[in-house]
PDB file of N, CA and C in Angstrom:
ATOM      1  N   MET A   1     -12.579 -18.732 -45.958  1.00  0.00           N
ATOM      2  CA  MET A   1     -11.905 -19.624 -46.623  1.00  0.00           C
ATOM      3  C   MET A   1     -11.920 -20.863 -45.937  1.00  0.00           C
ATOM      4  N   GLU A   2     -12.186 -21.868 -46.788  1.00  0.00           N
ATOM      5  CA  GLU A   2     -12.400 -23.396 -46.234  1.00  0.00           C
ATOM      6  C   GLU A   2     -11.092 -23.845 -45.912  1.00  0.00           C
ATOM      7  N   LYS A   3     -11.105 -24.461 -44.600  1.00  0.00           N
ATOM      8  CA  LYS A   3      -9.861 -25.332 -44.263  1.00  0.00           C
ATOM      9  C   LYS A   3      -9.824 -26.645 -45.093  1.00  0.00           C
ATOM     10  N   SER A   4      -8.733 -26.859 -45.421  1.00  0.00           N
ATOM     11  CA  SER A   4      -8.630 -28.281 -46.259  1.00  0.00           C
ATOM     12  C   SER A   4      -7.571 -29.167 -45.733  1.00  0.00           C
ATOM     13  N   ASN A   5      -7.231 -29.233 -44.351  1.00  0.00           N
ATOM     14  CA  ASN A   5      -6.415 -30.143 -43.710  1.00  0.00           C
ATOM     15  C   ASN A   5      -6.973 -31.509 -43.839  1.00  0.00           C
ATOM     16  N   PHE A   6      -6.001 -32.532 -43.611  1.00  0.00           N
ATOM     17  CA  PHE A   6      -6.697 -33.724 -43.577  1.00  0.00           C
ATOM     18  C   PHE A   6      -7.618 -34.247 -42.525  1.00  0.00           C
ATOM     19  N   ARG A   7      -7.884 -33.582 -41.374  1.00  0.00           N
ATOM     20  CA  ARG A   7      -8.946 -33.934 -40.396  1.00  0.00           C
ATOM     21  C   ARG A   7     -10.253 -33.308 -40.873  1.00  0.00           C
ATOM     22  N   VAL A   8     -10.268 -32.277 -41.772  1.00  0.00           N
ATOM     23  CA  VAL A   8     -11.498 -31.748 -42.097  1.00  0.00           C
ATOM     24  C   VAL A   8     -11.899 -32.740 -43.226  1.00  0.00           C
ATOM     25  N   ARG A   9     -11.012 -33.129 -44.059  1.00  0.00           N
ATOM     26  CA  ARG A   9     -11.376 -34.164 -45.092  1.00  0.00           C
ATOM     27  C   ARG A   9     -12.004 -35.487 -44.459  1.00  0.00           C
ATOM     28  N   VAL A  10     -11.305 -35.875 -43.472  1.00  0.00           N
ATOM     29  CA  VAL A  10     -11.812 -37.224 -42.793  1.00  0.00           C
ATOM     30  C   VAL A  10     -13.380 -36.941 -42.087  1.00  0.00           C
ATOM     31  N   MET A  11     -13.377 -35.891 -41.617  1.00  0.00           N
ATOM     32  CA  MET A  11     -14.840 -35.583 -40.885  1.00  0.00           C
ATOM     33  C   MET A  11     -15.777 -35.459 -41.851  1.00  0.00           C
ATOM     34  N   LYS A  12     -15.456 -34.722 -43.085  1.00  0.00           N
ATOM     35  CA  LYS A  12     -16.492 -34.658 -44.122  1.00  0.00           C
ATOM     36  C   LYS A  12     -16.845 -35.884 -44.683  1.00  0.00           C
ATOM     37  N   TYR A  13     -15.968 -36.765 -44.876  1.00  0.00           N
ATOM     38  CA  TYR A  13     -16.271 -38.235 -45.319  1.00  0.00           C
ATOM     39  C   TYR A  13     -17.123 -38.877 -44.145  1.00  0.00           C
ATOM     40  N   ALA A  14     -16.769 -38.803 -42.833  1.00  0.00           N
ATOM     41  CA  ALA A  14     -17.388 -39.375 -42.004  1.00  0.00           C
ATOM     42  C   ALA A  14     -18.901 -39.072 -41.752  1.00  0.00           C
ATOM     43  N   HIS A  15     -18.971 -37.536 -41.940  1.00  0.00           N
ATOM     44  CA  HIS A  15     -20.358 -37.131 -41.898  1.00  0.00           C
ATOM     45  C   HIS A  15     -21.274 -37.512 -43.019  1.00  0.00           C
ATOM     46  N   GLN A  16     -20.687 -37.465 -44.077  1.00  0.00           N
ATOM     47  CA  GLN A  16     -21.443 -38.041 -45.276  1.00  0.00           C
ATOM     48  C   GLN A  16     -21.715 -39.598 -45.067  1.00  0.00           C
ATOM     49  N   LEU A  17     -20.901 -40.237 -44.602  1.00  0.00           N
ATOM     50  CA  LEU A  17     -21.154 -41.750 -44.357  1.00  0.00           C
ATOM     51  C   LEU A  17     -22.422 -41.886 -43.419  1.00  0.00           C
ATOM     52  N   ALA A  18     -22.281 -41.020 -42.404  1.00  0.00           N
ATOM     53  CA  ALA A  18     -23.329 -41.085 -41.255  1.00  0.00           C
ATOM     54  C   ALA A  18     -24.786 -40.533 -41.736  1.00  0.00           C
ATOM     55  N   LYS A  19     -24.782 -39.714 -42.804  1.00  0.00           N
ATOM     56  CA  LYS A  19     -26.023 -39.320 -43.573  1.00  0.00           C
ATOM     57  C   LYS A  19     -26.558 -40.229 -44.390  1.00  0.00           C
ATOM     58  N   THR A  20     -25.785 -40.943 -45.180  1.00  0.00           N
ATOM     59  CA  THR A  20     -26.176 -41.968 -46.111  1.00  0.00           C
ATOM     60  C   THR A  20     -26.423 -43.269 -45.679  1.00  0.00           C
ATOM     61  N   THR A  21     -25.892 -43.683 -44.472  1.00  0.00           N
ATOM     62  CA  THR A  21     -25.837 -44.983 -44.183  1.00  0.00           C
ATOM     63  C   THR A  21     -26.613 -45.075 -42.595  1.00  0.00           C
ATOM     64  N   GLU A  22     -26.640 -46.255 -42.166  1.00  0.00           N
ATOM     65  CA  GLU A  22     -27.124 -46.332 -40.752  1.00  0.00           C
ATOM     66  C   GLU A  22     -26.012 -46.750 -39.896  1.00  0.00           C
ATOM     67  N   TYR A  23     -24.773 -46.460 -40.383  1.00  0.00           N
ATOM     68  CA  TYR A  23     -23.628 -46.864 -39.365  1.00  0.00           C
ATOM     69  C   TYR A  23     -23.626 -46.034 -38.158  1.00  0.00           C
ATOM     70  N   THR A  24     -22.884 -46.454 -37.172  1.00  0.00           N
ATOM     71  CA  THR A  24     -22.533 -45.871 -35.952  1.00  0.00           C
ATOM     72  C   THR A  24     -21.423 -44.833 -36.462  1.00  0.00           C
ATOM     73  N   TRP A  25     -21.364 -43.762 -35.466  1.00  0.00           N
ATOM     74  CA  TRP A  25     -20.302 -42.640 -35.654  1.00  0.00           C
ATOM     75  C   TRP A  25     -19.018 -43.311 -35.858  1.00  0.00           C
ATOM     76  N   LYS A  26     -18.709 -44.434 -34.851  1.00  0.00           N
ATOM     77  CA  LYS A  26     -17.275 -45.106 -34.804  1.00  0.00           C
ATOM     78  C   LYS A  26     -17.101 -45.793 -36.164  1.00  0.00           C
ATOM     79  N   ILE A  27     -17.866 -46.540 -36.663  1.00  0.00           N
ATOM     80  CA  ILE A  27     -17.679 -47.124 -38.035  1.00  0.00           C
ATOM     81  C   ILE A  27     -17.590 -46.075 -38.925  1.00  0.00           C
ATOM     82  N   CYS A  28     -18.266 -45.033 -39.144  1.00  0.00           N
ATOM     83  CA  CYS A  28     -18.150 -43.868 -40.091  1.00  0.00           C
ATOM     84  C   CYS A  28     -16.779 -43.416 -40.174  1.00  0.00           C
ATOM     85  N   LEU A  29     -16.131 -43.110 -38.868  1.00  0.00           N
ATOM     86  CA  LEU A  29     -14.909 -42.629 -38.602  1.00  0.00           C
ATOM     87  C   LEU A  29     -13.740 -43.668 -39.359  1.00  0.00           C
ATOM     88  N   ILE A  30     -13.947 -44.925 -38.864  1.00  0.00           N
ATOM     89  CA  ILE A  30     -13.074 -46.019 -39.357  1.00  0.00           C
ATOM     90  C   ILE A  30     -12.985 -45.831 -40.839  1.00  0.00           C
ATOM     91  N   LYS A  31     -14.284 -46.041 -41.621  1.00  0.00           N
ATOM     92  CA  LYS A  31     -14.317 -46.026 -42.989  1.00  0.00           C
ATOM     93  C   LYS A  31     -13.778 -44.677 -43.568  1.00  0.00           C
ATOM     94  N   ALA A  32     -13.921 -43.655 -42.970  1.00  0.00           N
ATOM     95  CA  ALA A  32     -13.348 -42.390 -43.405  1.00  0.00           C
ATOM     96  C   ALA A  32     -11.856 -42.367 -43.435  1.00  0.00           C
ATOM     97  N   TRP A  33     -11.318 -42.838 -42.421  1.00  0.00           N
ATOM     98  CA  TRP A  33      -9.713 -42.891 -42.251  1.00  0.00           C
ATOM     99  C   TRP A  33      -9.296 -43.898 -43.291  1.00  0.00           C
ATOM    100  N   GLU A  34      -9.915 -44.977 -43.650  1.00  0.00           N
ATOM    101  CA  GLU A  34      -9.681 -45.734 -44.650  1.00  0.00           C
ATOM    102  C   GLU A  34      -9.584 -45.200 -45.983  1.00  0.00           C
ATOM    103  N   LEU A  35     -10.760 -44.362 -46.370  1.00  0.00           N
ATOM    104  CA  LEU A  35     -10.871 -43.587 -47.681  1.00  0.00           C
ATOM    105  C   LEU A  35      -9.682 -42.734 -47.681  1.00  0.00           C
ATOM    106  N   TYR A  36      -9.292 -41.933 -46.388  1.00  0.00           N
ATOM    107  CA  TYR A  36      -8.059 -40.730 -46.488  1.00  0.00           C
ATOM    108  C   TYR A  36      -6.918 -41.813 -46.925  1.00  0.00           C
ATOM    109  N   ARG A  37      -6.658 -42.843 -46.175  1.00  0.00           N
ATOM    110  CA  ARG A  37      -5.463 -43.486 -46.272  1.00  0.00           C
ATOM    111  C   ARG A  37      -5.343 -44.054 -47.615  1.00  0.00           C
ATOM    112  N   LEU A  38      -6.358 -44.538 -48.413  1.00  0.00           N
ATOM    113  CA  LEU A  38      -6.492 -44.982 -49.777  1.00  0.00           C
ATOM    114  C   LEU A  38      -5.990 -43.744 -50.844  1.00  0.00           C
ATOM    115  N   ALA A  39      -6.671 -42.618 -50.527  1.00  0.00           N
ATOM    116  CA  ALA A  39      -6.272 -41.407 -51.317  1.00  0.00           C
ATOM    117  C   ALA A  39      -4.784 -41.044 -51.161  1.00  0.00           C
ATOM    118  N   LYS A  40      -4.287 -41.252 -49.942  1.00  0.00           N
ATOM    119  CA  LYS A  40      -2.906 -40.775 -49.697  1.00  0.00           C
ATOM    120  C   LYS A  40      -1.830 -41.776 -50.475  1.00  0.00           C
ATOM    121  N   ASN A  41      -2.332 -43.085 -50.357  1.00  0.00           N
ATOM    122  CA  ASN A  41      -1.411 -44.222 -50.976  1.00  0.00           C
ATOM    123  C   ASN A  41      -1.612 -44.046 -52.576  1.00  0.00           C
ATOM    124  N   MET A  42      -2.821 -43.485 -53.132  1.00  0.00           N
ATOM    125  CA  MET A  42      -3.011 -43.374 -54.409  1.00  0.00           C
ATOM    126  C   MET A  42      -2.361 -42.343 -55.008  1.00  0.00           C
ATOM    127  N   ARG A  43      -1.991 -41.368 -54.169  1.00  0.00           N
ATOM    128  CA  ARG A  43      -1.139 -40.187 -54.805  1.00  0.00           C
ATOM    129  C   ARG A  43       0.458 -40.464 -54.674  1.00  0.00           C
ATOM    130  N   LYS A  44       0.746 -41.772 -54.188  1.00  0.00           N
ATOM    131  CA  LYS A  44       2.072 -42.053 -54.181  1.00  0.00           C
ATOM    132  C   LYS A  44       2.489 -43.289 -55.332  1.00  0.00           C
ATOM    133  N   GLY A  45       1.167 -43.846 -55.772  1.00  0.00           N
ATOM    134  CA  GLY A  45       1.292 -44.957 -56.708  1.00  0.00           C
ATOM    135  C   GLY A  45       0.092 -45.729 -56.902  1.00  0.00           C
ATOM    136  N   ILE A  46       0.155 -46.957 -57.350  1.00  0.00           N
ATOM    137  CA  ILE A  46      -0.948 -47.658 -57.745  1.00  0.00           C
ATOM    138  C   ILE A  46      -1.265 -48.571 -56.428  1.00  0.00           C
ATOM    139  N   VAL A  47      -2.537 -48.738 -56.197  1.00  0.00           N
ATOM    140  CA  VAL A  47      -3.068 -49.363 -54.981  1.00  0.00           C
ATOM    141  C   VAL A  47      -4.408 -50.146 -55.496  1.00  0.00           C
ATOM    142  N   LYS A  48      -4.279 -51.560 -54.950  1.00  0.00           N
ATOM    143  CA  LYS A  48      -5.210 -52.429 -55.258  1.00  0.00           C
ATOM    144  C   LYS A  48      -6.349 -52.440 -54.012  1.00  0.00           C
ATOM    145  N   PHE A  49      -7.678 -52.375 -54.378  1.00  0.00           N
ATOM    146  CA  PHE A  49      -8.794 -52.209 -53.512  1.00  0.00           C
ATOM    147  C   PHE A  49     -10.038 -52.732 -54.163  1.00  0.00           C
ATOM    148  N   ALA A  50     -11.002 -52.873 -53.413  1.00  0.00           N
ATOM    149  CA  ALA A  50     -12.338 -53.395 -53.931  1.00  0.00           C
ATOM    150  C   ALA A  50     -13.424 -52.735 -53.378  1.00  0.00           C
ATOM    151  N   PHE A  51     -14.422 -52.583 -54.199  1.00  0.00           N
ATOM    152  CA  PHE A  51     -15.783 -51.695 -53.895  1.00  0.00           C
ATOM    153  C   PHE A  51     -16.837 -52.699 -54.402  1.00  0.00           C
ATOM    154  N   GLN A  52     -18.043 -52.460 -53.759  1.00  0.00           N
ATOM    155  CA  GLN A  52     -19.235 -52.974 -54.180  1.00  0.00           C
ATOM    156  C   GLN A  52     -19.893 -52.127 -55.305  1.00  0.00           C
ATOM    157  N   LYS A  53     -20.081 -52.581 -56.540  1.00  0.00           N
ATOM    158  CA  LYS A  53     -20.836 -51.788 -57.666  1.00  0.00           C
ATOM    159  C   LYS A  53     -22.159 -51.717 -57.319  1.00  0.00           C
ATOM    160  N   VAL A  54     -22.892 -50.818 -57.974  1.00  0.00           N
ATOM    161  CA  VAL A  54     -24.437 -50.689 -57.915  1.00  0.00           C
ATOM    162  C   VAL A  54     -25.156 -51.911 -58.054  1.00  0.00           C
ATOM    163  N   ASP A  55     -24.893 -52.879 -59.007  1.00  0.00           N
ATOM    164  CA  ASP A  55     -25.664 -54.065 -59.228  1.00  0.00           C
ATOM    165  C   ASP A  55     -25.246 -54.917 -57.798  1.00  0.00           C
ATOM    166  N   GLY A  56     -24.430 -54.785 -57.041  1.00  0.00           N
ATOM    167  CA  GLY A  56     -24.201 -55.573 -55.938  1.00  0.00           C
ATOM    168  C   GLY A  56     -23.089 -56.446 -56.110  1.00  0.00           C
ATOM    169  N   SER A  57     -22.336 -56.484 -57.305  1.00  0.00           N
ATOM    170  CA  SER A  57     -21.147 -57.297 -57.328  1.00  0.00           C
ATOM    171  C   SER A  57     -20.027 -56.684 -56.728  1.00  0.00           C
ATOM    172  N   ILE A  58     -18.869 -57.522 -56.408  1.00  0.00           N
ATOM    173  CA  ILE A  58     -17.652 -56.871 -56.069  1.00  0.00           C
ATOM    174  C   ILE A  58     -16.667 -56.770 -57.148  1.00  0.00           C
ATOM    175  N   ARG A  59     -16.125 -55.413 -57.130  1.00  0.00           N
ATOM    176  CA  ARG A  59     -15.151 -55.091 -58.087  1.00  0.00           C
ATOM    177  C   ARG A  59     -13.908 -54.880 -57.533  1.00  0.00           C
ATOM    178  N   HIS A  60     -12.912 -55.679 -58.078  1.00  0.00           N
ATOM    179  CA  HIS A  60     -11.532 -55.421 -57.669  1.00  0.00           C
ATOM    180  C   HIS A  60     -10.809 -54.558 -58.590  1.00  0.00           C
ATOM    181  N   ALA A  61     -10.271 -53.643 -58.128  1.00  0.00           N
ATOM    182  CA  ALA A  61      -9.621 -52.502 -59.029  1.00  0.00           C
ATOM    183  C   ALA A  61      -8.269 -52.184 -58.571  1.00  0.00           C
ATOM    184  N   SER A  62      -7.492 -51.631 -59.608  1.00  0.00           N
ATOM    185  CA  SER A  62      -6.143 -51.160 -59.324  1.00  0.00           C
ATOM    186  C   SER A  62      -6.072 -49.605 -59.695  1.00  0.00           C
ATOM    187  N   GLY A  63      -6.037 -48.738 -58.901  1.00  0.00           N
ATOM    188  CA  GLY A  63      -6.149 -47.335 -59.164  1.00  0.00           C
ATOM    189  C   GLY A  63      -5.006 -46.548 -58.735  1.00  0.00           C
ATOM    190  N   THR A  64      -4.926 -45.363 -59.202  1.00  0.00           N
ATOM    191  CA  THR A  64      -3.903 -44.268 -58.808  1.00  0.00           C
ATOM    192  C   THR A  64      -4.423 -42.897 -59.011  1.00  0.00           C
ATOM    193  N   LEU A  65      -3.943 -41.941 -58.193  1.00  0.00           N
ATOM    194  CA  LEU A  65      -4.046 -40.512 -58.293  1.00  0.00           C
ATOM    195  C   LEU A  65      -2.834 -39.934 -58.468  1.00  0.00           C
ATOM    196  N   TYR A  66      -1.764 -40.774 -58.761  1.00  0.00           N
ATOM    197  CA  TYR A  66      -0.410 -40.186 -59.085  1.00  0.00           C
ATOM    198  C   TYR A  66      -0.504 -39.141 -60.295  1.00  0.00           C
ATOM    199  N   ASN A  67       0.105 -38.058 -60.025  1.00  0.00           N
ATOM    200  CA  ASN A  67       0.300 -36.987 -61.114  1.00  0.00           C
ATOM    201  C   ASN A  67      -1.240 -36.518 -61.535  1.00  0.00           C
ATOM    202  N   LEU A  68      -2.317 -36.831 -60.853  1.00  0.00           N
ATOM    203  CA  LEU A  68      -3.560 -36.284 -61.075  1.00  0.00           C
ATOM    204  C   LEU A  68      -4.159 -35.347 -59.982  1.00  0.00           C
ATOM    205  N   PRO A  69      -3.712 -34.143 -59.846  1.00  0.00           N
ATOM    206  CA  PRO A  69      -4.308 -33.267 -58.771  1.00  0.00           C
ATOM    207  C   PRO A  69      -5.815 -33.183 -59.008  1.00  0.00           C
ATOM    208  N   ALA A  70      -6.507 -32.877 -57.882  1.00  0.00           N
ATOM    209  CA  ALA A  70      -8.029 -32.501 -57.775  1.00  0.00           C
ATOM    210  C   ALA A  70      -8.280 -31.303 -58.883  1.00  0.00           C
ATOM    211  N   GLY A  71      -9.220 -31.512 -59.799  1.00  0.00           N
ATOM    212  CA  GLY A  71      -9.572 -30.469 -60.662  1.00  0.00           C
ATOM    213  C   GLY A  71      -8.852 -30.565 -61.980  1.00  0.00           C
ATOM    214  N   THR A  72      -8.142 -31.570 -62.232  1.00  0.00           N
ATOM    215  CA  THR A  72      -7.382 -31.777 -63.486  1.00  0.00           C
ATOM    216  C   THR A  72      -8.027 -31.937 -64.628  1.00  0.00           C
ATOM    217  N   SER A  73      -7.863 -31.193 -65.759  1.00  0.00           N
ATOM    218  CA  SER A  73      -8.663 -31.279 -66.943  1.00  0.00           C
ATOM    219  C   SER A  73      -7.887 -31.500 -68.101  1.00  0.00           C
ATOM    220  N   ILE A  74      -8.554 -32.023 -69.204  1.00  0.00           N
ATOM    221  CA  ILE A  74      -7.900 -32.201 -70.468  1.00  0.00           C
ATOM    222  C   ILE A  74      -8.840 -31.524 -71.465  1.00  0.00           C
ATOM    223  N   HIS A  75      -8.632 -30.655 -72.288  1.00  0.00           N
ATOM    224  CA  HIS A  75      -9.225 -30.140 -73.097  1.00  0.00           C
ATOM    225  C   HIS A  75     -10.510 -29.488 -72.604  1.00  0.00           C
ATOM    226  N   GLY A  76     -10.395 -28.984 -71.407  1.00  0.00           N
ATOM    227  CA  GLY A  76     -11.477 -28.373 -70.722  1.00  0.00           C
ATOM    228  C   GLY A  76     -12.406 -29.181 -69.986  1.00  0.00           C
ATOM    229  N   LYS A  77     -12.342 -30.615 -70.153  1.00  0.00           N
ATOM    230  CA  LYS A  77     -13.046 -31.597 -69.559  1.00  0.00           C
ATOM    231  C   LYS A  77     -12.585 -32.089 -68.111  1.00  0.00           C
ATOM    232  N   LYS A  78     -13.312 -31.934 -67.035  1.00  0.00           N
ATOM    233  CA  LYS A  78     -12.635 -32.113 -65.851  1.00  0.00           C
ATOM    234  C   LYS A  78     -12.608 -33.689 -65.678  1.00  0.00           C
ATOM    235  N   LEU A  79     -11.469 -34.202 -65.099  1.00  0.00           N
ATOM    236  CA  LEU A  79     -11.279 -35.541 -64.907  1.00  0.00           C
ATOM    237  C   LEU A  79     -11.591 -36.032 -63.578  1.00  0.00           C
ATOM    238  N   THR A  80     -11.438 -34.975 -62.439  1.00  0.00           N
ATOM    239  CA  THR A  80     -11.910 -35.237 -61.043  1.00  0.00           C
ATOM    240  C   THR A  80     -12.509 -33.985 -60.599  1.00  0.00           C
ATOM    241  N   LYS A  81     -13.266 -34.276 -59.584  1.00  0.00           N
ATOM    242  CA  LYS A  81     -13.925 -33.103 -58.975  1.00  0.00           C
ATOM    243  C   LYS A  81     -13.961 -33.420 -57.475  1.00  0.00           C
ATOM    244  N   PRO A  82     -13.661 -32.454 -56.529  1.00  0.00           N
ATOM    245  CA  PRO A  82     -13.810 -32.756 -55.167  1.00  0.00           C
ATOM    246  C   PRO A  82     -15.268 -32.896 -54.705  1.00  0.00           C
ATOM    247  N   SER A  83     -15.383 -34.165 -54.102  1.00  0.00           N
ATOM    248  CA  SER A  83     -16.642 -34.575 -53.702  1.00  0.00           C
ATOM    249  C   SER A  83     -16.502 -35.522 -52.445  1.00  0.00           C
ATOM    250  N   TYR A  84     -17.298 -35.540 -51.588  1.00  0.00           N
ATOM    251  CA  TYR A  84     -17.337 -36.314 -50.346  1.00  0.00           C
ATOM    252  C   TYR A  84     -18.463 -37.546 -50.395  1.00  0.00           C
ATOM    253  N   LYS A  85     -19.147 -37.407 -51.629  1.00  0.00           N
ATOM    254  CA  LYS A  85     -20.081 -38.419 -51.876  1.00  0.00           C
ATOM    255  C   LYS A  85     -19.369 -39.721 -52.626  1.00  0.00           C
ATOM    256  N   THR A  86     -18.679 -39.409 -53.498  1.00  0.00           N
ATOM    257  CA  THR A  86     -17.863 -40.325 -54.472  1.00  0.00           C
ATOM    258  C   THR A  86     -16.543 -40.213 -54.384  1.00  0.00           C
ATOM    259  N   PHE A  87     -15.830 -41.339 -54.774  1.00  0.00           N
ATOM    260  CA  PHE A  87     -14.383 -41.258 -54.653  1.00  0.00           C
ATOM    261  C   PHE A  87     -13.840 -41.572 -56.057  1.00  0.00           C
ATOM    262  N   ALA A  88     -13.286 -40.491 -56.734  1.00  0.00           N
ATOM    263  CA  ALA A  88     -12.872 -40.765 -58.108  1.00  0.00           C
ATOM    264  C   ALA A  88     -11.279 -41.127 -58.348  1.00  0.00           C
ATOM    265  N   TYR A  89     -10.909 -42.048 -59.131  1.00  0.00           N
ATOM    266  CA  TYR A  89      -9.700 -42.524 -59.320  1.00  0.00           C
ATOM    267  C   TYR A  89      -9.336 -42.964 -60.589  1.00  0.00           C
ATOM    268  N   PHE A  90      -8.080 -42.949 -61.227  1.00  0.00           N
ATOM    269  CA  PHE A  90      -7.614 -43.378 -62.426  1.00  0.00           C
ATOM    270  C   PHE A  90      -7.501 -44.754 -62.322  1.00  0.00           C
ATOM    271  N   ASP A  91      -8.228 -45.780 -63.127  1.00  0.00           N
ATOM    272  CA  ASP A  91      -8.317 -47.111 -63.147  1.00  0.00           C
ATOM    273  C   ASP A  91      -7.217 -47.440 -64.118  1.00  0.00           C
ATOM    274  N   VAL A  92      -6.141 -48.150 -63.616  1.00  0.00           N
ATOM    275  CA  VAL A  92      -4.976 -48.498 -64.599  1.00  0.00           C
ATOM    276  C   VAL A  92      -5.293 -49.607 -65.449  1.00  0.00           C
ATOM    277  N   ASP A  93      -6.261 -50.430 -65.116  1.00  0.00           N
ATOM    278  CA  ASP A  93      -6.810 -51.718 -66.013  1.00  0.00           C
ATOM    279  C   ASP A  93      -7.558 -51.149 -67.080  1.00  0.00           C
ATOM    280  N   LYS A  94      -8.369 -50.273 -66.904  1.00  0.00           N
ATOM    281  CA  LYS A  94      -9.318 -49.683 -67.886  1.00  0.00           C
ATOM    282  C   LYS A  94      -8.863 -48.534 -68.614  1.00  0.00           C
ATOM    283  N   GLY A  95      -7.712 -47.829 -67.952  1.00  0.00           N
ATOM    284  CA  GLY A  95      -7.229 -46.662 -68.657  1.00  0.00           C
ATOM    285  C   GLY A  95      -7.994 -45.394 -68.582  1.00  0.00           C
ATOM    286  N   GLU A  96      -8.846 -45.397 -67.653  1.00  0.00           N
ATOM    287  CA  GLU A  96      -9.706 -44.139 -67.648  1.00  0.00           C
ATOM    288  C   GLU A  96     -10.232 -43.783 -66.204  1.00  0.00           C
ATOM    289  N   MET A  97     -10.826 -42.687 -66.135  1.00  0.00           N
ATOM    290  CA  MET A  97     -11.352 -42.168 -64.653  1.00  0.00           C
ATOM    291  C   MET A  97     -12.577 -43.093 -64.297  1.00  0.00           C
ATOM    292  N   ARG A  98     -12.583 -43.575 -63.067  1.00  0.00           N
ATOM    293  CA  ARG A  98     -13.717 -44.260 -62.493  1.00  0.00           C
ATOM    294  C   ARG A  98     -14.061 -43.466 -61.207  1.00  0.00           C
ATOM    295  N   CYS A  99     -15.402 -43.908 -60.664  1.00  0.00           N
ATOM    296  CA  CYS A  99     -15.545 -43.425 -59.439  1.00  0.00           C
ATOM    297  C   CYS A  99     -16.479 -44.628 -58.756  1.00  0.00           C
ATOM    298  N   PHE A 100     -16.659 -44.421 -57.337  1.00  0.00           N
ATOM    299  CA  PHE A 100     -17.498 -45.363 -56.683  1.00  0.00           C
ATOM    300  C   PHE A 100     -18.165 -44.505 -55.457  1.00  0.00           C
ATOM    301  N   LYS A 101     -19.251 -44.951 -54.911  1.00  0.00           N
ATOM    302  CA  LYS A 101     -19.907 -44.159 -53.795  1.00  0.00           C
ATOM    303  C   LYS A 101     -19.023 -44.518 -52.498  1.00  0.00           C
ATOM    304  N   ILE A 102     -18.770 -43.526 -51.812  1.00  0.00           N
ATOM    305  CA  ILE A 102     -17.684 -43.921 -50.590  1.00  0.00           C
ATOM    306  C   ILE A 102     -18.193 -45.182 -49.511  1.00  0.00           C
ATOM    307  N   GLU A 103     -19.478 -45.141 -49.466  1.00  0.00           N
ATOM    308  CA  GLU A 103     -20.056 -46.181 -48.460  1.00  0.00           C
ATOM    309  C   GLU A 103     -19.849 -47.620 -49.155  1.00  0.00           C
ATOM    310  N   ASN A 104     -19.508 -47.647 -50.477  1.00  0.00           N
ATOM    311  CA  ASN A 104     -19.286 -48.989 -50.911  1.00  0.00           C
ATOM    312  C   ASN A 104     -17.906 -49.619 -51.000  1.00  0.00           C
ATOM    313  N   LEU A 105     -17.023 -48.936 -50.386  1.00  0.00           N
ATOM    314  CA  LEU A 105     -15.664 -49.362 -50.272  1.00  0.00           C
ATOM    315  C   LEU A 105     -15.618 -50.752 -49.298  1.00  0.00           C
ATOM    316  N   VAL A 106     -14.952 -51.561 -49.977  1.00  0.00           N
ATOM    317  CA  VAL A 106     -14.936 -52.812 -49.193  1.00  0.00           C
ATOM    318  C   VAL A 106     -13.650 -53.068 -48.381  1.00  0.00           C
ATOM    319  N   THR A 107     -12.651 -53.043 -49.096  1.00  0.00           N
ATOM    320  CA  THR A 107     -11.201 -53.025 -48.402  1.00  0.00           C
ATOM    321  C   THR A 107     -10.248 -52.609 -49.353  1.00  0.00           C
ATOM    322  N   VAL A 108      -9.060 -52.371 -48.825  1.00  0.00           N
ATOM    323  CA  VAL A 108      -7.730 -51.766 -49.421  1.00  0.00           C
ATOM    324  C   VAL A 108      -6.764 -53.107 -49.174  1.00  0.00           C
ATOM    325  N   TYR A 109      -6.268 -53.708 -50.355  1.00  0.00           N
ATOM    326  CA  TYR A 109      -5.205 -54.603 -50.223  1.00  0.00           C
ATOM    327  C   TYR A 109      -3.924 -54.074 -50.034  1.00  0.00           C
TER     328      TYR A 109
END
């Protein structure tokens, strides 16, 4: 049985960041906690944040995870999937699910 408490999630995010970037472990932990707090706040309501897109531009987004538990599906199609490489959220501006690579998170407003 896999543990799913918040510390395990933070460490999995930090480990993934350490594997994919050249950040120090300290920076990986800081970003992992920021991702955890972002997800926690998104489960309560709408949060504004920014991330770097694949083309290098910065995207300012408003997203939520409120009433969208992990593994939610509509007509059999999954909306979110548990992953420590990407962060999935519901974009309230676009009205659909979006995701970004965890190492591309810039800031949370």
